[in-house]
Amino acid sequence: MARPLHNLVKKDTPWKWESREQEAFQGLKDAITSAPVLRHADPTKPYFLETDASGAALGSILSQRQEDGRLHPLGFLSESFKGAEQNYDTHNKELLAIICSFEYWRIFLEGTVHPITVFTDHRNLEYWKESRCYKPLDYTIGIACFFYYF
């Protein structure tokens, strides 16, 4: 959403405010001034983590089910891929989105008594935890996930 605005502040990039930048700016304004309203975390309730990755960035939402029976956000995460991460394949970018989200919300997620439900649109990740054939990067990621109950 904010990529056109990020591009404006890059080194050696001329400042050009056009319709793409205006739409991104308006979209950000609308997103932060309207619902959903963030809720406070309740350690007695299960956590839900929605993650996604694109070619340039990752994002996630940490939520909990509230009294109305619906999921309400506790927070949002958005990060651009840096360095070698930009060259990762789709599978690893989607997996990195989960890992970065766990690390970002570690204070809530580590040691929770309820399993953390992770939603992703990358079907191959459903089988990652049960896989018996790992690549070296998978071992590193597995170690990063060791402390989380999901």
C-alpha atoms as a PDB file:
ATOM      1  CA  MET A   1       0.000   0.000   0.000  1.00  0.00           C
ATOM      2  CA  ALA A   2       2.748   2.453   0.937  1.00  0.00           C
ATOM      3  CA  ARG A   3       5.318   1.352  -1.664  1.00  0.00           C
ATOM      4  CA  PRO A   4       4.879   4.469  -3.878  1.00  0.00           C
ATOM      5  CA  LEU A   5       5.570   6.675  -0.837  1.00  0.00           C
ATOM      6  CA  HIS A   6       8.595   4.616   0.216  1.00  0.00           C
ATOM      7  CA  ASN A   7       9.980   4.970  -3.286  1.00  0.00           C
ATOM      8  CA  LEU A   8       9.852   8.780  -3.006  1.00  0.00           C
ATOM      9  CA  VAL A   9      12.420   8.851  -0.202  1.00  0.00           C
ATOM     10  CA  LYS A  10      14.967   6.526  -1.797  1.00  0.00           C
ATOM     11  CA  LYS A  11      18.398   7.905  -2.521  1.00  0.00           C
ATOM     12  CA  ASP A  12      18.815   9.276  -6.050  1.00  0.00           C
ATOM     13  CA  THR A  13      15.056   9.178  -6.730  1.00  0.00           C
ATOM     14  CA  PRO A  14      13.516  12.403  -8.036  1.00  0.00           C
ATOM     15  CA  TRP A  15      10.509  13.686  -6.104  1.00  0.00           C
ATOM     16  CA  LYS A  16       7.410  13.264  -8.296  1.00  0.00           C
ATOM     17  CA  TRP A  17       4.002  13.333  -6.614  1.00  0.00           C
ATOM     18  CA  GLU A  18       1.557  11.832  -9.070  1.00  0.00           C
ATOM     19  CA  SER A  19      -1.730   9.951  -8.885  1.00  0.00           C
ATOM     20  CA  ARG A  20      -0.091   6.723  -7.593  1.00  0.00           C
ATOM     21  CA  GLU A  21       1.467   8.567  -4.660  1.00  0.00           C
ATOM     22  CA  GLN A  22      -1.760  10.443  -3.923  1.00  0.00           C
ATOM     23  CA  GLU A  23      -3.763   7.193  -3.950  1.00  0.00           C
ATOM     24  CA  ALA A  24      -1.242   5.541  -1.611  1.00  0.00           C
ATOM     25  CA  PHE A  25      -1.337   8.542   0.738  1.00  0.00           C
ATOM     26  CA  GLN A  26      -5.146   8.604   0.768  1.00  0.00           C
ATOM     27  CA  GLY A  27      -5.263   4.834   1.302  1.00  0.00           C
ATOM     28  CA  LEU A  28      -2.966   5.098   4.318  1.00  0.00           C
ATOM     29  CA  LYS A  29      -5.000   7.970   5.759  1.00  0.00           C
ATOM     30  CA  ASP A  30      -8.214   5.971   5.349  1.00  0.00           C
ATOM     31  CA  ALA A  31      -6.650   2.849   6.862  1.00  0.00           C
ATOM     32  CA  ILE A  32      -5.467   4.551  10.048  1.00  0.00           C
ATOM     33  CA  THR A  33      -8.552   6.691  10.622  1.00  0.00           C
ATOM     34  CA  SER A  34     -11.251   4.051  10.213  1.00  0.00           C
ATOM     35  CA  ALA A  35     -12.204   0.685  11.671  1.00  0.00           C
ATOM     36  CA  PRO A  36     -10.973  -1.810  12.677  1.00  0.00           C
ATOM     37  CA  VAL A  37     -10.041  -0.450  16.058  1.00  0.00           C
ATOM     38  CA  LEU A  38      -7.179  -2.227  17.794  1.00  0.00           C
ATOM     39  CA  ARG A  39      -7.960  -4.245  20.915  1.00  0.00           C
ATOM     40  CA  HIS A  40      -5.804  -5.075  23.920  1.00  0.00           C
ATOM     41  CA  ALA A  41      -4.342  -8.576  24.091  1.00  0.00           C
ATOM     42  CA  ASP A  42      -5.914 -11.033  26.540  1.00  0.00           C
ATOM     43  CA  PRO A  43      -3.418 -13.772  27.488  1.00  0.00           C
ATOM     44  CA  THR A  44      -6.282 -16.113  28.440  1.00  0.00           C
ATOM     45  CA  LYS A  45      -7.563 -16.254  24.834  1.00  0.00           C
ATOM     46  CA  PRO A  46      -6.048 -17.958  21.765  1.00  0.00           C
ATOM     47  CA  TYR A  47      -4.154 -15.871  19.219  1.00  0.00           C
ATOM     48  CA  PHE A  48      -4.732 -15.842  15.455  1.00  0.00           C
ATOM     49  CA  LEU A  49      -2.012 -14.765  13.050  1.00  0.00           C
ATOM     50  CA  GLU A  50      -2.759 -13.894   9.409  1.00  0.00           C
ATOM     51  CA  THR A  51       0.340 -13.576   7.236  1.00  0.00           C
ATOM     52  CA  ASP A  52       1.095 -12.813   3.616  1.00  0.00           C
ATOM     53  CA  ALA A  53       4.083 -11.991   1.452  1.00  0.00           C
ATOM     54  CA  SER A  54       4.448 -10.325  -1.917  1.00  0.00           C
ATOM     55  CA  GLY A  55       7.459  -9.838  -4.126  1.00  0.00           C
ATOM     56  CA  ALA A  56       8.556  -6.776  -2.141  1.00  0.00           C
ATOM     57  CA  ALA A  57       7.195  -7.058   1.400  1.00  0.00           C
ATOM     58  CA  LEU A  58       5.489  -9.078   4.095  1.00  0.00           C
ATOM     59  CA  GLY A  59       2.536  -8.281   6.282  1.00  0.00           C
ATOM     60  CA  SER A  60       0.557  -9.784   9.110  1.00  0.00           C
ATOM     61  CA  ILE A  61      -2.288  -9.213  11.537  1.00  0.00           C
ATOM     62  CA  LEU A  62      -2.379 -10.530  15.095  1.00  0.00           C
ATOM     63  CA  SER A  63      -5.966 -11.027  16.301  1.00  0.00           C
ATOM     64  CA  GLN A  64      -8.094 -12.537  19.048  1.00  0.00           C
ATOM     65  CA  ARG A  65     -11.741 -13.553  19.119  1.00  0.00           C
ATOM     66  CA  GLN A  66     -13.755 -11.057  21.170  1.00  0.00           C
ATOM     67  CA  GLU A  67     -17.106 -11.201  22.962  1.00  0.00           C
ATOM     68  CA  ASP A  68     -18.988 -10.614  19.705  1.00  0.00           C
ATOM     69  CA  GLY A  69     -17.480 -13.854  18.321  1.00  0.00           C
ATOM     70  CA  ARG A  70     -15.444 -12.055  15.658  1.00  0.00           C
ATOM     71  CA  LEU A  71     -11.703 -11.719  15.270  1.00  0.00           C
ATOM     72  CA  HIS A  72     -10.451  -8.251  16.166  1.00  0.00           C
ATOM     73  CA  PRO A  73      -6.916  -7.020  15.437  1.00  0.00           C
ATOM     74  CA  LEU A  74      -4.375  -6.495  18.186  1.00  0.00           C
ATOM     75  CA  GLY A  75      -1.780  -5.138  15.777  1.00  0.00           C
ATOM     76  CA  PHE A  76      -0.467  -4.966  12.252  1.00  0.00           C
ATOM     77  CA  LEU A  77       2.987  -5.619  10.816  1.00  0.00           C
ATOM     78  CA  SER A  78       4.353  -4.519   7.453  1.00  0.00           C
ATOM     79  CA  GLU A  79       8.002  -4.880   6.426  1.00  0.00           C
ATOM     80  CA  SER A  80       9.907  -4.593   3.163  1.00  0.00           C
ATOM     81  CA  PHE A  81      12.243  -7.424   2.229  1.00  0.00           C
ATOM     82  CA  LYS A  82      15.893  -6.484   2.652  1.00  0.00           C
ATOM     83  CA  GLY A  83      19.039  -7.708   0.931  1.00  0.00           C
ATOM     84  CA  ALA A  84      19.026 -11.415   0.089  1.00  0.00           C
ATOM     85  CA  GLU A  85      15.406 -11.767   1.273  1.00  0.00           C
ATOM     86  CA  GLN A  86      14.333 -10.093  -1.970  1.00  0.00           C
ATOM     87  CA  ASN A  87      15.714 -13.110  -3.848  1.00  0.00           C
ATOM     88  CA  TYR A  88      13.855 -15.751  -1.808  1.00  0.00           C
ATOM     89  CA  ASP A  89      11.328 -17.897  -3.628  1.00  0.00           C
ATOM     90  CA  THR A  90       7.629 -17.544  -2.789  1.00  0.00           C
ATOM     91  CA  HIS A  91       7.657 -20.424  -0.296  1.00  0.00           C
ATOM     92  CA  ASN A  92      10.486 -18.893   1.741  1.00  0.00           C
ATOM     93  CA  LYS A  93       8.998 -15.384   1.612  1.00  0.00           C
ATOM     94  CA  GLU A  94       5.703 -16.723   2.974  1.00  0.00           C
ATOM     95  CA  LEU A  95       7.578 -18.668   5.658  1.00  0.00           C
ATOM     96  CA  LEU A  96       9.629 -15.577   6.509  1.00  0.00           C
ATOM     97  CA  ALA A  97       6.382 -13.639   6.985  1.00  0.00           C
ATOM     98  CA  ILE A  98       5.387 -16.131   9.689  1.00  0.00           C
ATOM     99  CA  ILE A  99       8.801 -16.050  11.379  1.00  0.00           C
ATOM    100  CA  CYS A 100       9.015 -12.239  11.372  1.00  0.00           C
ATOM    101  CA  SER A 101       5.502 -12.082  12.807  1.00  0.00           C
ATOM    102  CA  PHE A 102       6.365 -14.512  15.602  1.00  0.00           C
ATOM    103  CA  GLU A 103       9.447 -12.457  16.443  1.00  0.00           C
ATOM    104  CA  TYR A 104       7.586  -9.136  16.257  1.00  0.00           C
ATOM    105  CA  TRP A 105       4.809 -10.286  18.631  1.00  0.00           C
ATOM    106  CA  ARG A 106       7.044 -12.541  20.710  1.00  0.00           C
ATOM    107  CA  ILE A 107       5.952 -10.899  23.967  1.00  0.00           C
ATOM    108  CA  PHE A 108       2.396 -12.153  23.349  1.00  0.00           C
ATOM    109  CA  LEU A 109       3.001 -15.430  21.523  1.00  0.00           C
ATOM    110  CA  GLU A 110       5.900 -17.058  23.340  1.00  0.00           C
ATOM    111  CA  GLY A 111       4.680 -19.342  26.097  1.00  0.00           C
ATOM    112  CA  THR A 112       0.972 -19.016  25.313  1.00  0.00           C
ATOM    113  CA  VAL A 113      -1.087 -21.929  26.665  1.00  0.00           C
ATOM    114  CA  HIS A 114      -3.336 -22.016  23.583  1.00  0.00           C
ATOM    115  CA  PRO A 115      -2.138 -23.072  20.134  1.00  0.00           C
ATOM    116  CA  ILE A 116      -1.571 -20.153  17.770  1.00  0.00           C
ATOM    117  CA  THR A 117      -3.662 -20.425  14.609  1.00  0.00           C
ATOM    118  CA  VAL A 118      -1.713 -19.250  11.567  1.00  0.00           C
ATOM    119  CA  PHE A 119      -3.586 -18.309   8.392  1.00  0.00           C
ATOM    120  CA  THR A 120      -1.627 -18.139   5.131  1.00  0.00           C
ATOM    121  CA  ASP A 121      -2.624 -18.200   1.487  1.00  0.00           C
ATOM    122  CA  HIS A 122       0.358 -20.406   0.586  1.00  0.00           C
ATOM    123  CA  ARG A 123      -0.973 -23.999   0.686  1.00  0.00           C
ATOM    124  CA  ASN A 124       2.468 -25.646   0.697  1.00  0.00           C
ATOM    125  CA  LEU A 125       3.154 -24.243   4.161  1.00  0.00           C
ATOM    126  CA  GLU A 126       0.389 -26.410   5.621  1.00  0.00           C
ATOM    127  CA  TYR A 127       2.749 -29.363   5.337  1.00  0.00           C
ATOM    128  CA  TRP A 128       5.982 -27.642   6.372  1.00  0.00           C
ATOM    129  CA  LYS A 129       5.879 -28.680  10.041  1.00  0.00           C
ATOM    130  CA  GLU A 130       5.251 -32.344   9.135  1.00  0.00           C
ATOM    131  CA  SER A 131       7.865 -32.463   6.367  1.00  0.00           C
ATOM    132  CA  ARG A 132      10.725 -34.943   6.665  1.00  0.00           C
ATOM    133  CA  CYS A 133      12.820 -33.387   3.899  1.00  0.00           C
ATOM    134  CA  TYR A 134      14.361 -30.053   4.866  1.00  0.00           C
ATOM    135  CA  LYS A 135      16.614 -27.562   3.161  1.00  0.00           C
ATOM    136  CA  PRO A 136      19.291 -25.783   5.272  1.00  0.00           C
ATOM    137  CA  LEU A 137      17.145 -22.633   5.522  1.00  0.00           C
ATOM    138  CA  ASP A 138      14.262 -24.743   6.871  1.00  0.00           C
ATOM    139  CA  TYR A 139      16.430 -25.849   9.814  1.00  0.00           C
ATOM    140  CA  THR A 140      17.206 -22.244  10.679  1.00  0.00           C
ATOM    141  CA  ILE A 141      13.542 -21.328  10.471  1.00  0.00           C
ATOM    142  CA  GLY A 142      12.564 -24.393  12.502  1.00  0.00           C
ATOM    143  CA  ILE A 143      14.878 -23.303  15.302  1.00  0.00           C
ATOM    144  CA  ALA A 144      13.306 -19.820  15.225  1.00  0.00           C
ATOM    145  CA  CYS A 145       9.844 -21.426  15.628  1.00  0.00           C
ATOM    146  CA  PHE A 146      10.861 -23.754  18.461  1.00  0.00           C
ATOM    147  CA  PHE A 147       9.439 -21.576  21.248  1.00  0.00           C
ATOM    148  CA  TYR A 148       5.984 -21.100  19.740  1.00  0.00           C
ATOM    149  CA  TYR A 149       2.937 -23.343  20.137  1.00  0.00           C
ATOM    150  CA  PHE A 150       1.251 -23.518  16.722  1.00  0.00           C
END
